[in-house]
Amino acid sequence: MNLDWPLFFVALGLAFLMEGLPYFLLAERMPPVLLTLASRPPRALRVLGLTSMILGVLLVALGRSF
């Protein structure tokens, strides 16, 4: 398997960008959001994580189809 390193770094950069946006744009609102997430049971967090991963895979598949 030959990894496309430039594409990998672009994808990683976009992931960091998307991860950092809420903290930059909504810095005042993030602590309550994080406290709410911390109070959720592990099963709910797993469902949220799984849903996010499925959405991510679908978006990657959609992007690669063009």
Protein backbone atom coordinates (compact mmCIF):
# COMPACT_ATOMS: atom_id res chain seq x y z
CA MET A 1 0.00 0.00 0.00
CA ASN A 2 1.38 3.35 -1.03
CA LEU A 3 0.28 6.22 1.20
CA ASP A 4 -0.32 9.59 -0.43
CA TRP A 5 1.51 11.68 2.18
CA PRO A 6 0.50 15.11 0.88
CA LEU A 7 -3.17 14.09 0.92
CA PHE A 8 -2.73 12.61 4.40
CA PHE A 9 -1.31 15.88 5.73
CA VAL A 10 -4.07 17.89 4.05
CA ALA A 11 -6.68 15.66 5.70
CA LEU A 12 -4.92 15.88 9.06
CA GLY A 13 -4.71 19.65 8.76
CA LEU A 14 -8.41 19.88 7.96
CA ALA A 15 -9.20 17.70 10.97
CA PHE A 16 -7.20 20.02 13.24
CA LEU A 17 -8.88 23.03 11.67
CA MET A 18 -12.36 21.62 12.24
CA GLU A 19 -11.46 20.56 15.78
CA GLY A 20 -10.14 24.00 16.67
CA LEU A 21 -12.93 26.10 15.17
CA PRO A 22 -15.43 25.76 18.04
CA TYR A 23 -12.78 26.65 20.63
CA PHE A 24 -11.79 29.75 18.68
CA LEU A 25 -15.21 30.95 17.59
CA LEU A 26 -17.22 29.94 20.66
CA ALA A 27 -14.63 30.06 23.43
CA GLU A 28 -17.10 31.35 26.02
CA ARG A 29 -19.62 28.60 25.30
CA MET A 30 -17.22 25.65 25.21
CA PRO A 31 -16.77 25.02 28.97
CA PRO A 32 -20.49 24.31 29.53
CA VAL A 33 -20.54 22.10 26.44
CA LEU A 34 -17.55 20.14 27.70
CA LEU A 35 -19.13 19.79 31.15
CA THR A 36 -22.29 18.47 29.52
CA LEU A 37 -20.28 15.94 27.53
CA ALA A 38 -18.37 14.91 30.65
CA SER A 39 -21.64 14.19 32.46
CA ARG A 40 -22.89 11.84 29.73
CA PRO A 41 -22.63 8.10 30.27
CA PRO A 42 -19.93 6.26 28.31
CA ARG A 43 -22.50 4.55 26.09
CA ALA A 44 -23.88 7.91 24.92
CA LEU A 45 -20.36 9.12 24.14
CA ARG A 46 -19.67 5.94 22.17
CA VAL A 47 -22.86 6.43 20.15
CA LEU A 48 -21.86 10.03 19.46
CA GLY A 49 -18.36 8.94 18.45
CA LEU A 50 -19.64 6.14 16.23
CA THR A 51 -22.10 8.50 14.56
CA SER A 52 -19.31 11.00 13.92
CA MET A 53 -17.06 8.31 12.46
CA ILE A 54 -19.80 7.02 10.16
CA LEU A 55 -20.53 10.55 8.98
CA GLY A 56 -16.81 11.08 8.39
CA VAL A 57 -16.49 7.90 6.35
CA LEU A 58 -19.53 8.86 4.28
CA LEU A 59 -18.10 12.32 3.62
CA VAL A 60 -14.75 10.85 2.59
CA ALA A 61 -16.50 8.39 0.27
CA LEU A 62 -18.58 11.20 -1.20
CA GLY A 63 -15.51 13.35 -1.71
CA ARG A 64 -13.58 10.54 -3.37
CA SER A 65 -16.45 9.80 -5.75
CA PHE A 66 -15.94 13.10 -7.58
